[in-house]
Amino acid sequence: MVASHAARTEDGKFSCTLCQHVTHKKYNMRIHLEAHELSSKNYSCTICGTVVTTRQLLRQHQLGCQKYY
């Protein structure tokens, strides 16, 4: 996904071809592209079953979800 929707800038950073977001780490670009919902994957909470579109959203959800269960 990163290879098809990100380009390297002259200073070695990754630039999103969809919105011009720039980051210095490939991992951050992958997370950014997941937020564009280009991935067909869905991630479900093992605690309550809530389904979200990115791993980052799942991590954030599970932090709050653990407090209530």
PDB file of N, CA and C in Angstrom:
ATOM      1  N   MET A   1       0.833  -1.191   0.000  1.00  0.00           N
ATOM      2  CA  MET A   1       0.000   0.000   0.000  1.00  0.00           C
ATOM      3  C   MET A   1       0.877   1.255   0.000  1.00  0.00           C
ATOM      4  N   VAL A   2       1.945   1.250   0.803  1.00  0.00           N
ATOM      5  CA  VAL A   2       2.807   2.424   0.866  1.00  0.00           C
ATOM      6  C   VAL A   2       3.464   2.665  -0.479  1.00  0.00           C
ATOM      7  N   ALA A   3       3.908   1.606  -1.118  1.00  0.00           N
ATOM      8  CA  ALA A   3       4.601   1.754  -2.398  1.00  0.00           C
ATOM      9  C   ALA A   3       3.705   2.363  -3.470  1.00  0.00           C
ATOM     10  N   SER A   4       2.415   2.065  -3.436  1.00  0.00           N
ATOM     11  CA  SER A   4       1.530   2.559  -4.494  1.00  0.00           C
ATOM     12  C   SER A   4       0.931   3.938  -4.214  1.00  0.00           C
ATOM     13  N   HIS A   5       0.941   4.391  -2.955  1.00  0.00           N
ATOM     14  CA  HIS A   5       0.312   5.667  -2.634  1.00  0.00           C
ATOM     15  C   HIS A   5       1.235   6.642  -1.912  1.00  0.00           C
ATOM     16  N   ALA A   6       2.534   6.358  -1.947  1.00  0.00           N
ATOM     17  CA  ALA A   6       3.491   7.273  -1.325  1.00  0.00           C
ATOM     18  C   ALA A   6       4.708   7.400  -2.225  1.00  0.00           C
ATOM     19  N   ALA A   7       5.299   8.559  -2.194  1.00  0.00           N
ATOM     20  CA  ALA A   7       6.504   8.815  -2.981  1.00  0.00           C
ATOM     21  C   ALA A   7       7.584   9.355  -2.053  1.00  0.00           C
ATOM     22  N   ARG A   8       8.823   9.081  -2.389  1.00  0.00           N
ATOM     23  CA  ARG A   8       9.946   9.612  -1.612  1.00  0.00           C
ATOM     24  C   ARG A   8      10.259  11.025  -2.078  1.00  0.00           C
ATOM     25  N   THR A   9      10.478  11.910  -1.119  1.00  0.00           N
ATOM     26  CA  THR A   9      10.876  13.274  -1.449  1.00  0.00           C
ATOM     27  C   THR A   9      12.394  13.321  -1.596  1.00  0.00           C
ATOM     28  N   GLU A  10      12.915  14.435  -2.031  1.00  0.00           N
ATOM     29  CA  GLU A  10      14.358  14.583  -2.220  1.00  0.00           C
ATOM     30  C   GLU A  10      15.144  14.381  -0.930  1.00  0.00           C
ATOM     31  N   ASP A  11      14.529  14.744   0.211  1.00  0.00           N
ATOM     32  CA  ASP A  11      15.230  14.590   1.488  1.00  0.00           C
ATOM     33  C   ASP A  11      14.934  13.253   2.165  1.00  0.00           C
ATOM     34  N   GLY A  12      14.329  12.293   1.431  1.00  0.00           N
ATOM     35  CA  GLY A  12      14.127  10.947   1.932  1.00  0.00           C
ATOM     36  C   GLY A  12      12.844  10.715   2.702  1.00  0.00           C
ATOM     37  N   LYS A  13      11.985  11.693   2.783  1.00  0.00           N
ATOM     38  CA  LYS A  13      10.723  11.534   3.503  1.00  0.00           C
ATOM     39  C   LYS A  13       9.688  10.878   2.586  1.00  0.00           C
ATOM     40  N   PHE A  14       8.584  10.436   3.176  1.00  0.00           N
ATOM     41  CA  PHE A  14       7.490   9.844   2.420  1.00  0.00           C
ATOM     42  C   PHE A  14       6.374  10.866   2.274  1.00  0.00           C
ATOM     43  N   SER A  15       5.887  11.025   1.044  1.00  0.00           N
ATOM     44  CA  SER A  15       4.828  11.980   0.753  1.00  0.00           C
ATOM     45  C   SER A  15       3.617  11.231   0.208  1.00  0.00           C
ATOM     46  N   CYS A  16       2.445  11.456   0.810  1.00  0.00           N
ATOM     47  CA  CYS A  16       1.207  10.810   0.373  1.00  0.00           C
ATOM     48  C   CYS A  16       0.782  11.413  -0.964  1.00  0.00           C
ATOM     49  N   THR A  17       0.487  10.560  -1.931  1.00  0.00           N
ATOM     50  CA  THR A  17       0.057  11.049  -3.246  1.00  0.00           C
ATOM     51  C   THR A  17      -1.415  11.427  -3.260  1.00  0.00           C
ATOM     52  N   LEU A  18      -2.131  11.097  -2.190  1.00  0.00           N
ATOM     53  CA  LEU A  18      -3.551  11.417  -2.123  1.00  0.00           C
ATOM     54  C   LEU A  18      -3.817  12.780  -1.498  1.00  0.00           C
ATOM     55  N   CYS A  19      -2.959  13.181  -0.536  1.00  0.00           N
ATOM     56  CA  CYS A  19      -3.237  14.441   0.153  1.00  0.00           C
ATOM     57  C   CYS A  19      -1.987  15.261   0.473  1.00  0.00           C
ATOM     58  N   GLN A  20      -0.841  14.809   0.079  1.00  0.00           N
ATOM     59  CA  GLN A  20       0.431  15.520   0.293  1.00  0.00           C
ATOM     60  C   GLN A  20       0.905  15.534   1.744  1.00  0.00           C
ATOM     61  N   HIS A  21       0.387  14.640   2.571  1.00  0.00           N
ATOM     62  CA  HIS A  21       0.911  14.459   3.934  1.00  0.00           C
ATOM     63  C   HIS A  21       2.350  13.966   3.816  1.00  0.00           C
ATOM     64  N   VAL A  22       3.251  14.476   4.658  1.00  0.00           N
ATOM     65  CA  VAL A  22       4.656  14.092   4.606  1.00  0.00           C
ATOM     66  C   VAL A  22       5.103  13.593   5.971  1.00  0.00           C
ATOM     67  N   THR A  23       5.842  12.493   5.985  1.00  0.00           N
ATOM     68  CA  THR A  23       6.396  11.947   7.218  1.00  0.00           C
ATOM     69  C   THR A  23       7.764  11.352   6.928  1.00  0.00           C
ATOM     70  N   HIS A  24       8.569  11.194   7.950  1.00  0.00           N
ATOM     71  CA  HIS A  24       9.913  10.658   7.744  1.00  0.00           C
ATOM     72  C   HIS A  24       9.984   9.146   7.949  1.00  0.00           C
ATOM     73  N   LYS A  25       8.913   8.515   8.455  1.00  0.00           N
ATOM     74  CA  LYS A  25       8.927   7.079   8.702  1.00  0.00           C
ATOM     75  C   LYS A  25       7.903   6.352   7.835  1.00  0.00           C
ATOM     76  N   LYS A  26       8.326   5.218   7.290  1.00  0.00           N
ATOM     77  CA  LYS A  26       7.442   4.406   6.457  1.00  0.00           C
ATOM     78  C   LYS A  26       6.244   3.904   7.275  1.00  0.00           C
ATOM     79  N   TYR A  27       6.482   3.526   8.536  1.00  0.00           N
ATOM     80  CA  TYR A  27       5.398   3.060   9.407  1.00  0.00           C
ATOM     81  C   TYR A  27       4.320   4.130   9.554  1.00  0.00           C
ATOM     82  N   ASN A  28       4.727   5.371   9.775  1.00  0.00           N
ATOM     83  CA  ASN A  28       3.758   6.459   9.923  1.00  0.00           C
ATOM     84  C   ASN A  28       2.957   6.662   8.650  1.00  0.00           C
ATOM     85  N   MET A  29       3.604   6.477   7.501  1.00  0.00           N
ATOM     86  CA  MET A  29       2.880   6.607   6.230  1.00  0.00           C
ATOM     87  C   MET A  29       1.865   5.482   6.083  1.00  0.00           C
ATOM     88  N   ARG A  30       2.211   4.277   6.500  1.00  0.00           N
ATOM     89  CA  ARG A  30       1.274   3.158   6.423  1.00  0.00           C
ATOM     90  C   ARG A  30       0.045   3.439   7.286  1.00  0.00           C
ATOM     91  N   ILE A  31       0.258   3.943   8.488  1.00  0.00           N
ATOM     92  CA  ILE A  31      -0.848   4.296   9.377  1.00  0.00           C
ATOM     93  C   ILE A  31      -1.698   5.397   8.745  1.00  0.00           C
ATOM     94  N   HIS A  32      -1.043   6.390   8.163  1.00  0.00           N
ATOM     95  CA  HIS A  32      -1.748   7.483   7.493  1.00  0.00           C
ATOM     96  C   HIS A  32      -2.610   6.947   6.349  1.00  0.00           C
ATOM     97  N   LEU A  33      -2.059   6.044   5.541  1.00  0.00           N
ATOM     98  CA  LEU A  33      -2.807   5.510   4.405  1.00  0.00           C
ATOM     99  C   LEU A  33      -3.969   4.637   4.864  1.00  0.00           C
ATOM    100  N   GLU A  34      -3.817   3.937   5.980  1.00  0.00           N
ATOM    101  CA  GLU A  34      -4.946   3.178   6.533  1.00  0.00           C
ATOM    102  C   GLU A  34      -6.103   4.123   6.863  1.00  0.00           C
ATOM    103  N   ALA A  35      -5.777   5.310   7.330  1.00  0.00           N
ATOM    104  CA  ALA A  35      -6.803   6.292   7.675  1.00  0.00           C
ATOM    105  C   ALA A  35      -7.573   6.757   6.430  1.00  0.00           C
ATOM    106  N   HIS A  36      -6.954   6.658   5.268  1.00  0.00           N
ATOM    107  CA  HIS A  36      -7.647   6.967   4.016  1.00  0.00           C
ATOM    108  C   HIS A  36      -8.598   5.840   3.625  1.00  0.00           C
ATOM    109  N   GLU A  37      -8.623   4.763   4.417  1.00  0.00           N
ATOM    110  CA  GLU A  37      -9.472   3.595   4.206  1.00  0.00           C
ATOM    111  C   GLU A  37      -9.202   2.920   2.863  1.00  0.00           C
ATOM    112  N   LEU A  38      -7.924   2.862   2.485  1.00  0.00           N
ATOM    113  CA  LEU A  38      -7.549   2.173   1.261  1.00  0.00           C
ATOM    114  C   LEU A  38      -7.470   0.670   1.494  1.00  0.00           C
ATOM    115  N   SER A  39      -7.258   0.303   2.720  1.00  0.00           N
ATOM    116  CA  SER A  39      -7.174  -1.107   3.072  1.00  0.00           C
ATOM    117  C   SER A  39      -8.580  -1.676   3.224  1.00  0.00           C
ATOM    118  N   SER A  40      -8.778  -2.887   2.765  1.00  0.00           N
ATOM    119  CA  SER A  40     -10.086  -3.518   2.901  1.00  0.00           C
ATOM    120  C   SER A  40     -10.210  -4.252   4.235  1.00  0.00           C
ATOM    121  N   LYS A  41      -9.162  -4.195   5.054  1.00  0.00           N
ATOM    122  CA  LYS A  41      -9.179  -4.881   6.341  1.00  0.00           C
ATOM    123  C   LYS A  41     -10.016  -4.116   7.360  1.00  0.00           C
ATOM    124  N   ASN A  42     -10.644  -4.857   8.219  1.00  0.00           N
ATOM    125  CA  ASN A  42     -11.324  -4.303   9.378  1.00  0.00           C
ATOM    126  C   ASN A  42     -10.737  -4.980  10.599  1.00  0.00           C
ATOM    127  N   TYR A  43     -10.668  -4.281  11.694  1.00  0.00           N
ATOM    128  CA  TYR A  43     -10.085  -4.796  12.918  1.00  0.00           C
ATOM    129  C   TYR A  43     -11.153  -4.801  14.000  1.00  0.00           C
ATOM    130  N   SER A  44     -11.304  -5.943  14.680  1.00  0.00           N
ATOM    131  CA  SER A  44     -12.361  -6.020  15.678  1.00  0.00           C
ATOM    132  C   SER A  44     -11.778  -6.170  17.071  1.00  0.00           C
ATOM    133  N   CYS A  45     -12.421  -5.525  18.019  1.00  0.00           N
ATOM    134  CA  CYS A  45     -12.007  -5.531  19.420  1.00  0.00           C
ATOM    135  C   CYS A  45     -12.277  -6.914  20.012  1.00  0.00           C
ATOM    136  N   THR A  46     -11.275  -7.497  20.646  1.00  0.00           N
ATOM    137  CA  THR A  46     -11.441  -8.813  21.261  1.00  0.00           C
ATOM    138  C   THR A  46     -12.213  -8.732  22.570  1.00  0.00           C
ATOM    139  N   ILE A  47     -12.399  -7.530  23.090  1.00  0.00           N
ATOM    140  CA  ILE A  47     -13.104  -7.350  24.356  1.00  0.00           C
ATOM    141  C   ILE A  47     -14.608  -7.207  24.127  1.00  0.00           C
ATOM    142  N   CYS A  48     -15.013  -6.320  23.188  1.00  0.00           N
ATOM    143  CA  CYS A  48     -16.441  -6.044  23.012  1.00  0.00           C
ATOM    144  C   CYS A  48     -16.954  -6.306  21.596  1.00  0.00           C
ATOM    145  N   GLY A  49     -16.061  -6.556  20.637  1.00  0.00           N
ATOM    146  CA  GLY A  49     -16.487  -6.854  19.274  1.00  0.00           C
ATOM    147  C   GLY A  49     -16.652  -5.657  18.357  1.00  0.00           C
ATOM    148  N   THR A  50     -16.394  -4.451  18.842  1.00  0.00           N
ATOM    149  CA  THR A  50     -16.487  -3.258  18.003  1.00  0.00           C
ATOM    150  C   THR A  50     -15.523  -3.385  16.822  1.00  0.00           C
ATOM    151  N   VAL A  51     -15.967  -3.011  15.631  1.00  0.00           N
ATOM    152  CA  VAL A  51     -15.139  -3.097  14.425  1.00  0.00           C
ATOM    153  C   VAL A  51     -14.711  -1.700  14.006  1.00  0.00           C
ATOM    154  N   VAL A  52     -13.408  -1.536  13.745  1.00  0.00           N
ATOM    155  CA  VAL A  52     -12.849  -0.255  13.297  1.00  0.00           C
ATOM    156  C   VAL A  52     -12.018  -0.499  12.039  1.00  0.00           C
ATOM    157  N   THR A  53     -11.636   0.566  11.360  1.00  0.00           N
ATOM    158  CA  THR A  53     -10.968   0.426  10.064  1.00  0.00           C
ATOM    159  C   THR A  53      -9.449   0.450  10.119  1.00  0.00           C
ATOM    160  N   THR A  54      -8.849   0.896  11.224  1.00  0.00           N
ATOM    161  CA  THR A  54      -7.390   0.925  11.307  1.00  0.00           C
ATOM    162  C   THR A  54      -6.907   0.309  12.612  1.00  0.00           C
ATOM    163  N   ARG A  55      -5.665  -0.168  12.600  1.00  0.00           N
ATOM    164  CA  ARG A  55      -5.081  -0.725  13.825  1.00  0.00           C
ATOM    165  C   ARG A  55      -4.916   0.348  14.882  1.00  0.00           C
ATOM    166  N   GLN A  56      -4.605   1.557  14.460  1.00  0.00           N
ATOM    167  CA  GLN A  56      -4.451   2.663  15.409  1.00  0.00           C
ATOM    168  C   GLN A  56      -5.771   2.941  16.134  1.00  0.00           C
ATOM    169  N   LEU A  57      -6.865   2.957  15.403  1.00  0.00           N
ATOM    170  CA  LEU A  57      -8.175   3.146  16.028  1.00  0.00           C
ATOM    171  C   LEU A  57      -8.499   1.991  16.974  1.00  0.00           C
ATOM    172  N   LEU A  58      -8.095   0.780  16.596  1.00  0.00           N
ATOM    173  CA  LEU A  58      -8.329  -0.368  17.466  1.00  0.00           C
ATOM    174  C   LEU A  58      -7.547  -0.218  18.769  1.00  0.00           C
ATOM    175  N   ARG A  59      -6.282   0.185  18.682  1.00  0.00           N
ATOM    176  CA  ARG A  59      -5.473   0.391  19.888  1.00  0.00           C
ATOM    177  C   ARG A  59      -6.105   1.445  20.797  1.00  0.00           C
ATOM    178  N   GLN A  60      -6.517   2.546  20.213  1.00  0.00           N
ATOM    179  CA  GLN A  60      -7.141   3.610  20.998  1.00  0.00           C
ATOM    180  C   GLN A  60      -8.441   3.124  21.633  1.00  0.00           C
ATOM    181  N   HIS A  61      -9.233   2.387  20.866  1.00  0.00           N
ATOM    182  CA  HIS A  61     -10.496   1.869  21.376  1.00  0.00           C
ATOM    183  C   HIS A  61     -10.254   0.915  22.541  1.00  0.00           C
ATOM    184  N   GLN A  62      -9.297  -0.001  22.379  1.00  0.00           N
ATOM    185  CA  GLN A  62      -9.065  -1.008  23.400  1.00  0.00           C
ATOM    186  C   GLN A  62      -8.547  -0.404  24.700  1.00  0.00           C
ATOM    187  N   LEU A  63      -7.814   0.685  24.621  1.00  0.00           N
ATOM    188  CA  LEU A  63      -7.370   1.349  25.846  1.00  0.00           C
ATOM    189  C   LEU A  63      -8.553   1.821  26.662  1.00  0.00           C
ATOM    190  N   GLY A  64      -9.544   2.400  25.997  1.00  0.00           N
ATOM    191  CA  GLY A  64     -10.745   2.858  26.687  1.00  0.00           C
ATOM    192  C   GLY A  64     -11.675   1.710  27.032  1.00  0.00           C
ATOM    193  N   CYS A  65     -11.722   0.714  26.186  1.00  0.00           N
ATOM    194  CA  CYS A  65     -12.622  -0.426  26.375  1.00  0.00           C
ATOM    195  C   CYS A  65     -12.219  -1.227  27.614  1.00  0.00           C
ATOM    196  N   GLN A  66     -10.941  -1.347  27.889  1.00  0.00           N
ATOM    197  CA  GLN A  66     -10.462  -2.107  29.039  1.00  0.00           C
ATOM    198  C   GLN A  66     -10.915  -1.490  30.350  1.00  0.00           C
ATOM    199  N   LYS A  67     -11.145  -0.203  30.344  1.00  0.00           N
ATOM    200  CA  LYS A  67     -11.565   0.484  31.566  1.00  0.00           C
ATOM    201  C   LYS A  67     -12.989   0.120  31.961  1.00  0.00           C
ATOM    202  N   TYR A  68     -13.787  -0.317  30.979  1.00  0.00           N
ATOM    203  CA  TYR A  68     -15.206  -0.539  31.241  1.00  0.00           C
ATOM    204  C   TYR A  68     -15.570  -2.001  31.384  1.00  0.00           C
ATOM    205  N   TYR A  69     -14.631  -2.917  31.115  1.00  0.00           N
ATOM    206  CA  TYR A  69     -14.925  -4.347  31.211  1.00  0.00           C
ATOM    207  C   TYR A  69     -14.046  -5.007  32.243  1.00  0.00           C
TER     208      TYR A  69
END
